[in-house]
C-alpha atoms as a PDB file:
ATOM      1  CA  MET A   1      -0.163  -0.266   0.140  1.00  0.00           C
ATOM      2  CA  ASN A   2       1.307   3.466  -1.340  1.00  0.00           C
ATOM      3  CA  ASN A   3       1.469   5.583   1.914  1.00  0.00           C
ATOM      4  CA  GLU A   4       1.475   8.747  -0.177  1.00  0.00           C
ATOM      5  CA  LYS A   5      -1.628   8.334  -1.992  1.00  0.00           C
ATOM      6  CA  THR A   6      -3.023   7.299   1.231  1.00  0.00           C
ATOM      7  CA  VAL A   7      -2.269  10.388   2.960  1.00  0.00           C
ATOM      8  CA  SER A   8      -3.134  12.515   0.059  1.00  0.00           C
ATOM      9  CA  VAL A   9      -6.480  10.538   0.098  1.00  0.00           C
ATOM     10  CA  LEU A  10      -7.152  11.218   3.852  1.00  0.00           C
ATOM     11  CA  ASN A  11      -5.806  15.401   3.094  1.00  0.00           C
ATOM     12  CA  ASP A  12      -9.044  15.511   0.739  1.00  0.00           C
ATOM     13  CA  LEU A  13     -11.256  14.148   3.861  1.00  0.00           C
ATOM     14  CA  LEU A  14      -9.455  16.248   6.588  1.00  0.00           C
ATOM     15  CA  ASN A  15     -10.412  19.265   3.916  1.00  0.00           C
ATOM     16  CA  ILE A  16     -13.578  18.464   3.112  1.00  0.00           C
ATOM     17  CA  THR A  17     -14.545  17.624   7.190  1.00  0.00           C
ATOM     18  CA  ASN A  18     -13.073  21.187   7.791  1.00  0.00           C
ATOM     19  CA  ASP A  19     -15.133  22.356   5.099  1.00  0.00           C
ATOM     20  CA  ARG A  20     -17.844  21.355   7.139  1.00  0.00           C
ATOM     21  CA  ILE A  21     -17.237  22.366  10.424  1.00  0.00           C
ATOM     22  CA  GLU A  22     -16.687  25.434   8.804  1.00  0.00           C
ATOM     23  CA  GLY A  23     -20.640  24.825   7.383  1.00  0.00           C
ATOM     24  CA  PHE A  24     -21.940  24.680  10.566  1.00  0.00           C
ATOM     25  CA  SER A  25     -20.055  27.744  11.895  1.00  0.00           C
ATOM     26  CA  LYS A  26     -22.131  29.178   9.051  1.00  0.00           C
ATOM     27  CA  VAL A  27     -25.253  27.578  10.667  1.00  0.00           C
ATOM     28  CA  GLU A  28     -25.012  27.847  13.784  1.00  0.00           C
ATOM     29  CA  ASP A  29     -28.814  29.545  15.559  1.00  0.00           C
ATOM     30  CA  LYS A  30     -30.279  30.487  12.185  1.00  0.00           C
ATOM     31  CA  VAL A  31     -33.163  27.393  12.483  1.00  0.00           C
ATOM     32  CA  TRP A  32     -33.601  26.527  16.079  1.00  0.00           C
ATOM     33  CA  GLU A  33     -36.032  29.169  16.917  1.00  0.00           C
ATOM     34  CA  ASN A  34     -38.432  27.220  14.899  1.00  0.00           C
ATOM     35  CA  HIS A  35     -36.444  23.790  14.491  1.00  0.00           C
ATOM     36  CA  SER A  36     -35.326  23.592  18.049  1.00  0.00           C
ATOM     37  CA  ALA A  37     -35.563  19.616  17.717  1.00  0.00           C
ATOM     38  CA  LEU A  38     -32.689  19.315  15.430  1.00  0.00           C
ATOM     39  CA  LYS A  39     -30.778  21.389  17.941  1.00  0.00           C
ATOM     40  CA  ASN A  40     -29.190  18.484  19.511  1.00  0.00           C
ATOM     41  CA  ASP A  41     -28.592  16.219  16.042  1.00  0.00           C
ATOM     42  CA  TYR A  42     -26.716  19.552  14.913  1.00  0.00           C
ATOM     43  CA  ASP A  43     -24.263  19.510  17.939  1.00  0.00           C
ATOM     44  CA  GLN A  44     -24.239  16.116  17.502  1.00  0.00           C
ATOM     45  CA  MET A  45     -22.659  16.568  14.247  1.00  0.00           C
ATOM     46  CA  VAL A  46     -20.671  19.423  15.158  1.00  0.00           C
ATOM     47  CA  SER A  47     -19.096  16.846  17.969  1.00  0.00           C
ATOM     48  CA  GLN A  48     -19.199  13.760  15.401  1.00  0.00           C
ATOM     49  CA  SER A  49     -17.005  16.381  12.958  1.00  0.00           C
ATOM     50  CA  GLN A  50     -14.345  17.203  15.473  1.00  0.00           C
ATOM     51  CA  THR A  51     -14.430  13.349  16.596  1.00  0.00           C
ATOM     52  CA  MET A  52     -13.978  12.770  12.531  1.00  0.00           C
ATOM     53  CA  LYS A  53     -11.055  15.842  11.816  1.00  0.00           C
ATOM     54  CA  SER A  54      -9.763  14.051  15.380  1.00  0.00           C
ATOM     55  CA  ASP A  55      -9.129  10.809  13.774  1.00  0.00           C
ATOM     56  CA  LEU A  56      -8.072  11.679  10.195  1.00  0.00           C
ATOM     57  CA  ILE A  57      -5.211  13.898  11.845  1.00  0.00           C
ATOM     58  CA  ARG A  58      -4.343  10.603  13.629  1.00  0.00           C
ATOM     59  CA  LEU A  59      -4.303   8.538  10.539  1.00  0.00           C
ATOM     60  CA  ILE A  60      -2.363  11.057   7.699  1.00  0.00           C
ATOM     61  CA  SER A  61       0.355  11.160  11.099  1.00  0.00           C
ATOM     62  CA  GLU A  62       0.511   7.424  11.381  1.00  0.00           C
ATOM     63  CA  LYS A  63       0.878   6.904   7.427  1.00  0.00           C
ATOM     64  CA  GLY A  64       4.480   9.850   7.715  1.00  0.00           C
ATOM     65  CA  GLY A  65       2.127  12.094   6.651  1.00  0.00           C
ATOM     66  CA  GLU A  66       1.475  15.852   7.570  1.00  0.00           C
ATOM     67  CA  ALA A  67      -2.323  16.816   7.264  1.00  0.00           C
ATOM     68  CA  ASP A  68      -2.828  19.860   5.411  1.00  0.00           C
ATOM     69  CA  ASN A  69      -5.530  21.545   8.356  1.00  0.00           C
ATOM     70  CA  THR A  70      -7.263  23.811   5.660  1.00  0.00           C
ATOM     71  CA  THR A  71     -10.350  23.981   3.814  1.00  0.00           C
ATOM     72  CA  SER A  72     -10.755  22.878   0.078  1.00  0.00           C
ATOM     73  CA  THR A  73     -11.361  25.365  -2.288  1.00  0.00           C
ATOM     74  CA  ALA A  74     -14.919  24.127  -3.615  1.00  0.00           C
ATOM     75  CA  GLY A  75     -16.016  24.660   0.372  1.00  0.00           C
ATOM     76  CA  ALA A  76     -14.250  28.089   0.484  1.00  0.00           C
ATOM     77  CA  VAL A  77     -16.698  29.080  -3.133  1.00  0.00           C
ATOM     78  CA  HIS A  78     -19.793  27.705  -1.350  1.00  0.00           C
ATOM     79  CA  ARG A  79     -19.699  29.431   2.265  1.00  0.00           C
ATOM     80  CA  ALA A  80     -18.952  32.509  -0.623  1.00  0.00           C
ATOM     81  CA  TRP A  81     -22.617  31.647  -2.121  1.00  0.00           C
ATOM     82  CA  ILE A  82     -23.861  30.449   1.684  1.00  0.00           C
ATOM     83  CA  ASP A  83     -23.879  34.328   2.242  1.00  0.00           C
ATOM     84  CA  ILE A  84     -24.735  36.101  -1.280  1.00  0.00           C
ATOM     85  CA  LYS A  85     -27.651  33.451  -1.221  1.00  0.00           C
ATOM     86  CA  ASN A  86     -28.777  34.883   2.391  1.00  0.00           C
ATOM     87  CA  SER A  87     -28.296  38.115   2.004  1.00  0.00           C
ATOM     88  CA  PHE A  88     -31.459  37.804  -0.595  1.00  0.00           C
ATOM     89  CA  THR A  89     -33.053  34.866   0.485  1.00  0.00           C
ATOM     90  CA  GLY A  90     -36.841  35.677   3.179  1.00  0.00           C
ATOM     91  CA  ASP A  91     -36.836  32.335   4.344  1.00  0.00           C
ATOM     92  CA  LYS A  92     -33.419  31.677   5.900  1.00  0.00           C
ATOM     93  CA  ASN A  93     -34.134  28.673   7.165  1.00  0.00           C
ATOM     94  CA  GLU A  94     -34.971  26.819   4.407  1.00  0.00           C
ATOM     95  CA  SER A  95     -32.398  27.739   2.750  1.00  0.00           C
ATOM     96  CA  THR A  96     -29.886  27.738   5.575  1.00  0.00           C
ATOM     97  CA  LEU A  97     -31.222  23.346   5.666  1.00  0.00           C
ATOM     98  CA  GLU A  98     -31.307  23.443   1.826  1.00  0.00           C
ATOM     99  CA  ASN A  99     -26.979  24.405   2.039  1.00  0.00           C
ATOM    100  CA  VAL A 100     -26.575  22.084   5.144  1.00  0.00           C
ATOM    101  CA  VAL A 101     -28.348  18.777   3.279  1.00  0.00           C
ATOM    102  CA  PHE A 102     -26.274  20.384   0.350  1.00  0.00           C
ATOM    103  CA  GLY A 103     -22.317  19.718   2.659  1.00  0.00           C
ATOM    104  CA  GLU A 104     -23.507  16.924   3.849  1.00  0.00           C
ATOM    105  CA  LYS A 105     -24.439  15.077   0.541  1.00  0.00           C
ATOM    106  CA  ALA A 106     -20.695  16.524  -0.478  1.00  0.00           C
ATOM    107  CA  ALA A 107     -19.403  15.201   1.863  1.00  0.00           C
ATOM    108  CA  ILE A 108     -20.686  11.306   1.252  1.00  0.00           C
ATOM    109  CA  LYS A 109     -20.337  11.688  -2.078  1.00  0.00           C
ATOM    110  CA  ALA A 110     -15.656  12.244  -1.475  1.00  0.00           C
ATOM    111  CA  TYR A 111     -16.625   9.560   1.133  1.00  0.00           C
ATOM    112  CA  GLU A 112     -17.613   6.868  -0.800  1.00  0.00           C
ATOM    113  CA  ASP A 113     -15.111   8.230  -3.631  1.00  0.00           C
ATOM    114  CA  ALA A 114     -11.976   8.025  -0.984  1.00  0.00           C
ATOM    115  CA  LEU A 115     -13.372   4.583  -0.183  1.00  0.00           C
ATOM    116  CA  GLU A 116     -13.837   3.206  -3.969  1.00  0.00           C
ATOM    117  CA  SER A 117     -10.385   4.801  -5.194  1.00  0.00           C
ATOM    118  CA  GLY A 118      -8.151   1.401  -3.370  1.00  0.00           C
ATOM    119  CA  ASP A 119      -5.969   3.983  -1.913  1.00  0.00           C
ATOM    120  CA  LEU A 120      -6.523   3.436   1.555  1.00  0.00           C
ATOM    121  CA  CYS A 121      -4.719   0.754   3.630  1.00  0.00           C
ATOM    122  CA  PRO A 122      -7.376  -1.283   5.423  1.00  0.00           C
ATOM    123  CA  GLU A 123      -7.473   0.617   9.037  1.00  0.00           C
ATOM    124  CA  SER A 124      -8.017   4.327   6.801  1.00  0.00           C
ATOM    125  CA  SER A 125     -10.733   2.302   4.992  1.00  0.00           C
ATOM    126  CA  GLN A 126     -12.314   0.885   8.094  1.00  0.00           C
ATOM    127  CA  VAL A 127     -11.898   4.697  10.156  1.00  0.00           C
ATOM    128  CA  VAL A 128     -13.634   5.866   6.546  1.00  0.00           C
ATOM    129  CA  SER A 129     -16.438   3.456   6.516  1.00  0.00           C
ATOM    130  CA  ASP A 130     -17.689   4.376   9.630  1.00  0.00           C
ATOM    131  CA  HIS A 131     -17.126   7.988   9.480  1.00  0.00           C
ATOM    132  CA  LEU A 132     -19.836   7.975   5.886  1.00  0.00           C
ATOM    133  CA  HIS A 133     -21.720   5.763   8.030  1.00  0.00           C
ATOM    134  CA  HIS A 134     -22.413   8.962  10.453  1.00  0.00           C
ATOM    135  CA  LEU A 135     -22.721  11.582   7.830  1.00  0.00           C
ATOM    136  CA  ARG A 136     -25.304   8.861   5.940  1.00  0.00           C
ATOM    137  CA  SER A 137     -27.014   8.894   9.399  1.00  0.00           C
ATOM    138  CA  SER A 138     -27.153  12.987  10.040  1.00  0.00           C
ATOM    139  CA  TYR A 139     -27.585  13.775   6.447  1.00  0.00           C
ATOM    140  CA  ALA A 140     -31.056  11.734   6.351  1.00  0.00           C
ATOM    141  CA  LYS A 141     -31.831  14.009   9.322  1.00  0.00           C
ATOM    142  CA  PHE A 142     -31.707  17.001   7.052  1.00  0.00           C
ATOM    143  CA  GLU A 143     -33.154  16.091   4.489  1.00  0.00           C
ATOM    144  CA  ASN A 144     -36.747  14.578   6.326  1.00  0.00           C
ATOM    145  CA  LEU A 145     -36.587  18.005   7.451  1.00  0.00           C
ATOM    146  CA  GLU A 146     -35.860  19.742   4.836  1.00  0.00           C
ATOM    147  CA  ARG A 147     -38.618  17.818   2.595  1.00  0.00           C
ATOM    148  CA  LEU A 148     -41.269  18.823   5.770  1.00  0.00           C
ATOM    149  CA  ASN A 149     -40.472  22.331   4.687  1.00  0.00           C
ATOM    150  CA  SER A 150     -40.621  22.397   0.567  1.00  0.00           C
END
């Protein structure tokens, strides 16, 4: 197994995870007035993202790599778009939920691609698979709520 490829894939996932954490900070306190039941799920997603970040940094270090603890360019563009969209949108709650769902869907795709790449060692594959399970779970909760608001 090529550690360089593994580290590269893990760093891509670290960037995506950092995108999620940044994206969550944009959502903070925007929908809880109307959707207070989601607050605990949201807090769990934030906490899980921090754990995922720690897991990825640990794996990268164990593989002899250096963690690229930044966000991705695509994530930065998406967050800028969220800011612009929110400044023109009347229903910020619906818009915010759409952004959570969009971000989770993008993260799921990145994690699926990483697992399918064949560039991960068995331990990394197991951790990434566990992360993907959590991503799908959080995505389902927010996707269902978004449908109810449509």
